[in-house]
Amino acid sequence: MNADFHSRKILLIPHYRILTWILGGTLLAWAAWLLVLFKLDPYANAPLSLTLFFISFFVALSGTFTLLLAFLKKWRTRDQLYIKHILISLRQGILLSLCTTLCSGLLVLGFLRVWNGLLLVILMMLIEFYLSGRDEL
């Protein structure tokens, strides 16, 4: 019964408040990415610099893709934006940013080839197809 109360409480949060929190986190992540980009020297401390670079890049891209996808869903449906739409946008944003970050990491390592990138995109698409088949809107 307690879990049911909490799930109802989450559903009562207005969508604009959730999107505002995502926007704030995204702006902080982009600021952190710029800070890492301009203030850390990758030649002095490569493991720490690259780790912070890719983590902040992943979080910033996740928020950006989530907001873009949520607004595309809102624009396309011209209807109320429900929490389920935002959760689907969050999942798709995370998958897109994971694919982009992995491709960037492979590029830094010198291992990115066309077939590697295509395999990553196909893998992310298959994961999304599987997960979207389980969604009921």
C-alpha atoms as a PDB file:
ATOM      1  CA  MET A   1       0.000   0.000   0.000  1.00  0.00           C
ATOM      2  CA  ASN A   2       2.878   2.352   0.710  1.00  0.00           C
ATOM      3  CA  ALA A   3       4.377   1.778  -2.745  1.00  0.00           C
ATOM      4  CA  ASP A   4       1.000   2.514  -4.341  1.00  0.00           C
ATOM      5  CA  PHE A   5       0.831   5.827  -2.477  1.00  0.00           C
ATOM      6  CA  HIS A   6       4.313   6.810  -3.676  1.00  0.00           C
ATOM      7  CA  SER A   7       3.537   5.887  -7.286  1.00  0.00           C
ATOM      8  CA  ARG A   8       0.403   8.051  -7.164  1.00  0.00           C
ATOM      9  CA  LYS A   9       2.401  10.865  -5.636  1.00  0.00           C
ATOM     10  CA  ILE A  10       4.875  10.734  -8.527  1.00  0.00           C
ATOM     11  CA  LEU A  11       2.030  10.814 -11.027  1.00  0.00           C
ATOM     12  CA  LEU A  12       0.658  13.980  -9.418  1.00  0.00           C
ATOM     13  CA  ILE A  13       3.819  15.991 -10.142  1.00  0.00           C
ATOM     14  CA  PRO A  14       3.150  18.368 -13.055  1.00  0.00           C
ATOM     15  CA  HIS A  15       5.153  17.599 -16.171  1.00  0.00           C
ATOM     16  CA  TYR A  16       6.591  21.105 -16.410  1.00  0.00           C
ATOM     17  CA  ARG A  17       8.185  20.691 -12.972  1.00  0.00           C
ATOM     18  CA  ILE A  18       9.884  17.463 -14.049  1.00  0.00           C
ATOM     19  CA  LEU A  19      11.082  19.066 -17.275  1.00  0.00           C
ATOM     20  CA  THR A  20      12.367  22.059 -15.292  1.00  0.00           C
ATOM     21  CA  TRP A  21      14.414  19.746 -13.064  1.00  0.00           C
ATOM     22  CA  ILE A  22      15.772  17.942 -16.122  1.00  0.00           C
ATOM     23  CA  LEU A  23      16.637  21.297 -17.722  1.00  0.00           C
ATOM     24  CA  GLY A  24      18.461  22.434 -14.581  1.00  0.00           C
ATOM     25  CA  GLY A  25      20.435  19.211 -14.382  1.00  0.00           C
ATOM     26  CA  THR A  26      21.260  19.424 -18.071  1.00  0.00           C
ATOM     27  CA  LEU A  27      22.554  22.982 -17.743  1.00  0.00           C
ATOM     28  CA  LEU A  28      24.700  21.938 -14.775  1.00  0.00           C
ATOM     29  CA  ALA A  29      26.031  18.972 -16.740  1.00  0.00           C
ATOM     30  CA  TRP A  30      26.937  21.162 -19.716  1.00  0.00           C
ATOM     31  CA  ALA A  31      28.677  23.581 -17.337  1.00  0.00           C
ATOM     32  CA  ALA A  32      30.595  20.664 -15.812  1.00  0.00           C
ATOM     33  CA  TRP A  33      31.535  19.418 -19.287  1.00  0.00           C
ATOM     34  CA  LEU A  34      32.835  22.866 -20.265  1.00  0.00           C
ATOM     35  CA  LEU A  35      34.729  23.092 -16.987  1.00  0.00           C
ATOM     36  CA  VAL A  36      36.373  19.726 -17.628  1.00  0.00           C
ATOM     37  CA  LEU A  37      37.086  20.691 -21.228  1.00  0.00           C
ATOM     38  CA  PHE A  38      38.802  23.968 -20.440  1.00  0.00           C
ATOM     39  CA  LYS A  39      40.302  23.438 -16.977  1.00  0.00           C
ATOM     40  CA  LEU A  40      41.659  19.877 -16.916  1.00  0.00           C
ATOM     41  CA  ASP A  41      44.783  18.917 -18.780  1.00  0.00           C
ATOM     42  CA  PRO A  42      44.373  15.471 -20.355  1.00  0.00           C
ATOM     43  CA  TYR A  43      48.144  15.042 -20.643  1.00  0.00           C
ATOM     44  CA  ALA A  44      48.805  15.642 -16.940  1.00  0.00           C
ATOM     45  CA  ASN A  45      46.122  13.300 -15.570  1.00  0.00           C
ATOM     46  CA  ALA A  46      44.602  11.380 -18.465  1.00  0.00           C
ATOM     47  CA  PRO A  47      42.448   8.796 -16.626  1.00  0.00           C
ATOM     48  CA  LEU A  48      40.709  11.352 -14.398  1.00  0.00           C
ATOM     49  CA  SER A  49      40.281  13.894 -17.198  1.00  0.00           C
ATOM     50  CA  LEU A  50      38.847  11.407 -19.662  1.00  0.00           C
ATOM     51  CA  THR A  51      36.559   9.839 -17.060  1.00  0.00           C
ATOM     52  CA  LEU A  52      35.124  13.193 -15.997  1.00  0.00           C
ATOM     53  CA  PHE A  53      34.857  14.278 -19.634  1.00  0.00           C
ATOM     54  CA  PHE A  54      32.836  11.247 -20.687  1.00  0.00           C
ATOM     55  CA  ILE A  55      30.619  11.186 -17.565  1.00  0.00           C
ATOM     56  CA  SER A  56      29.706  14.868 -17.892  1.00  0.00           C
ATOM     57  CA  PHE A  57      29.258  14.448 -21.661  1.00  0.00           C
ATOM     58  CA  PHE A  58      26.924  11.484 -21.131  1.00  0.00           C
ATOM     59  CA  VAL A  59      24.789  13.261 -18.516  1.00  0.00           C
ATOM     60  CA  ALA A  60      24.600  16.472 -20.581  1.00  0.00           C
ATOM     61  CA  LEU A  61      23.610  14.610 -23.734  1.00  0.00           C
ATOM     62  CA  SER A  62      21.057  12.519 -21.843  1.00  0.00           C
ATOM     63  CA  GLY A  63      19.299  15.612 -20.569  1.00  0.00           C
ATOM     64  CA  THR A  64      19.476  17.377 -23.908  1.00  0.00           C
ATOM     65  CA  PHE A  65      18.106  14.421 -25.840  1.00  0.00           C
ATOM     66  CA  THR A  66      15.404  13.873 -23.211  1.00  0.00           C
ATOM     67  CA  LEU A  67      14.205  17.464 -23.434  1.00  0.00           C
ATOM     68  CA  LEU A  68      14.284  17.448 -27.239  1.00  0.00           C
ATOM     69  CA  LEU A  69      12.369  14.190 -27.466  1.00  0.00           C
ATOM     70  CA  ALA A  70       9.802  15.321 -24.889  1.00  0.00           C
ATOM     71  CA  PHE A  71       9.155  18.537 -26.789  1.00  0.00           C
ATOM     72  CA  LEU A  72       8.921  16.611 -30.065  1.00  0.00           C
ATOM     73  CA  LYS A  73       6.329  14.324 -28.489  1.00  0.00           C
ATOM     74  CA  LYS A  74       4.419  17.350 -27.212  1.00  0.00           C
ATOM     75  CA  TRP A  75       4.563  19.047 -30.623  1.00  0.00           C
ATOM     76  CA  ARG A  76       3.622  15.886 -32.539  1.00  0.00           C
ATOM     77  CA  THR A  77       0.661  14.840 -30.417  1.00  0.00           C
ATOM     78  CA  ARG A  78      -0.597  18.374 -29.633  1.00  0.00           C
ATOM     79  CA  ASP A  79      -2.045  16.818 -26.517  1.00  0.00           C
ATOM     80  CA  GLN A  80      -1.235  16.707 -22.848  1.00  0.00           C
ATOM     81  CA  LEU A  81       2.317  15.590 -22.097  1.00  0.00           C
ATOM     82  CA  TYR A  82       1.989  12.767 -19.604  1.00  0.00           C
ATOM     83  CA  ILE A  83       4.582  11.342 -17.236  1.00  0.00           C
ATOM     84  CA  LYS A  84       4.770   8.232 -19.410  1.00  0.00           C
ATOM     85  CA  HIS A  85       5.853  10.355 -22.377  1.00  0.00           C
ATOM     86  CA  ILE A  86       8.597  11.916 -20.277  1.00  0.00           C
ATOM     87  CA  LEU A  87       9.796   8.526 -19.039  1.00  0.00           C
ATOM     88  CA  ILE A  88       9.916   7.187 -22.605  1.00  0.00           C
ATOM     89  CA  SER A  89      11.817  10.314 -23.692  1.00  0.00           C
ATOM     90  CA  LEU A  90      14.237   9.803 -20.799  1.00  0.00           C
ATOM     91  CA  ARG A  91      14.869   6.194 -21.803  1.00  0.00           C
ATOM     92  CA  GLN A  92      15.385   7.134 -25.451  1.00  0.00           C
ATOM     93  CA  GLY A  93      17.628  10.048 -24.479  1.00  0.00           C
ATOM     94  CA  ILE A  94      19.794   7.782 -22.356  1.00  0.00           C
ATOM     95  CA  LEU A  95      20.101   5.253 -25.191  1.00  0.00           C
ATOM     96  CA  LEU A  96      21.000   7.967 -27.709  1.00  0.00           C
ATOM     97  CA  SER A  97      23.578   9.512 -25.413  1.00  0.00           C
ATOM     98  CA  LEU A  98      25.032   6.098 -24.586  1.00  0.00           C
ATOM     99  CA  CYS A  99      25.449   5.396 -28.289  1.00  0.00           C
ATOM    100  CA  THR A 100      27.028   8.832 -28.875  1.00  0.00           C
ATOM    101  CA  THR A 101      29.350   8.524 -25.882  1.00  0.00           C
ATOM    102  CA  LEU A 102      30.462   5.014 -26.859  1.00  0.00           C
ATOM    103  CA  CYS A 103      31.169   6.157 -30.411  1.00  0.00           C
ATOM    104  CA  SER A 104      33.137   9.114 -29.027  1.00  0.00           C
ATOM    105  CA  GLY A 105      35.113   6.798 -26.747  1.00  0.00           C
ATOM    106  CA  LEU A 106      35.907   4.484 -29.627  1.00  0.00           C
ATOM    107  CA  LEU A 107      36.963   7.514 -31.667  1.00  0.00           C
ATOM    108  CA  VAL A 108      39.338   8.655 -28.912  1.00  0.00           C
ATOM    109  CA  LEU A 109      40.835   5.162 -28.717  1.00  0.00           C
ATOM    110  CA  GLY A 110      41.158   5.000 -32.507  1.00  0.00           C
ATOM    111  CA  PHE A 111      38.863   1.979 -32.812  1.00  0.00           C
ATOM    112  CA  LEU A 112      35.833   3.624 -34.392  1.00  0.00           C
ATOM    113  CA  ARG A 113      35.050   2.239 -37.823  1.00  0.00           C
ATOM    114  CA  VAL A 114      31.880   2.400 -39.859  1.00  0.00           C
ATOM    115  CA  TRP A 115      30.865  -1.137 -38.919  1.00  0.00           C
ATOM    116  CA  ASN A 116      31.496  -0.456 -35.186  1.00  0.00           C
ATOM    117  CA  GLY A 117      29.274   2.584 -35.295  1.00  0.00           C
ATOM    118  CA  LEU A 118      26.589   0.750 -37.229  1.00  0.00           C
ATOM    119  CA  LEU A 119      26.675  -2.153 -34.783  1.00  0.00           C
ATOM    120  CA  LEU A 120      26.237   0.251 -31.856  1.00  0.00           C
ATOM    121  CA  VAL A 121      23.333   2.023 -33.554  1.00  0.00           C
ATOM    122  CA  ILE A 122      21.677  -1.303 -34.441  1.00  0.00           C
ATOM    123  CA  LEU A 123      22.150  -2.564 -30.875  1.00  0.00           C
ATOM    124  CA  MET A 124      20.570   0.571 -29.406  1.00  0.00           C
ATOM    125  CA  MET A 125      17.698   0.335 -31.895  1.00  0.00           C
ATOM    126  CA  LEU A 126      17.061  -3.290 -30.962  1.00  0.00           C
ATOM    127  CA  ILE A 127      17.051  -2.410 -27.269  1.00  0.00           C
ATOM    128  CA  GLU A 128      14.595   0.429 -27.940  1.00  0.00           C
ATOM    129  CA  PHE A 129      12.357  -1.782 -30.088  1.00  0.00           C
ATOM    130  CA  TYR A 130      12.271  -4.371 -27.319  1.00  0.00           C
ATOM    131  CA  LEU A 131      11.494  -1.818 -24.630  1.00  0.00           C
ATOM    132  CA  SER A 132       8.953   0.105 -26.706  1.00  0.00           C
ATOM    133  CA  GLY A 133       7.068  -3.120 -27.401  1.00  0.00           C
ATOM    134  CA  ARG A 134       6.472  -3.404 -23.665  1.00  0.00           C
ATOM    135  CA  ASP A 135       5.137   0.169 -23.358  1.00  0.00           C
ATOM    136  CA  GLU A 136       1.436   0.805 -23.406  1.00  0.00           C
ATOM    137  CA  LEU A 137       0.422   4.380 -24.141  1.00  0.00           C
END
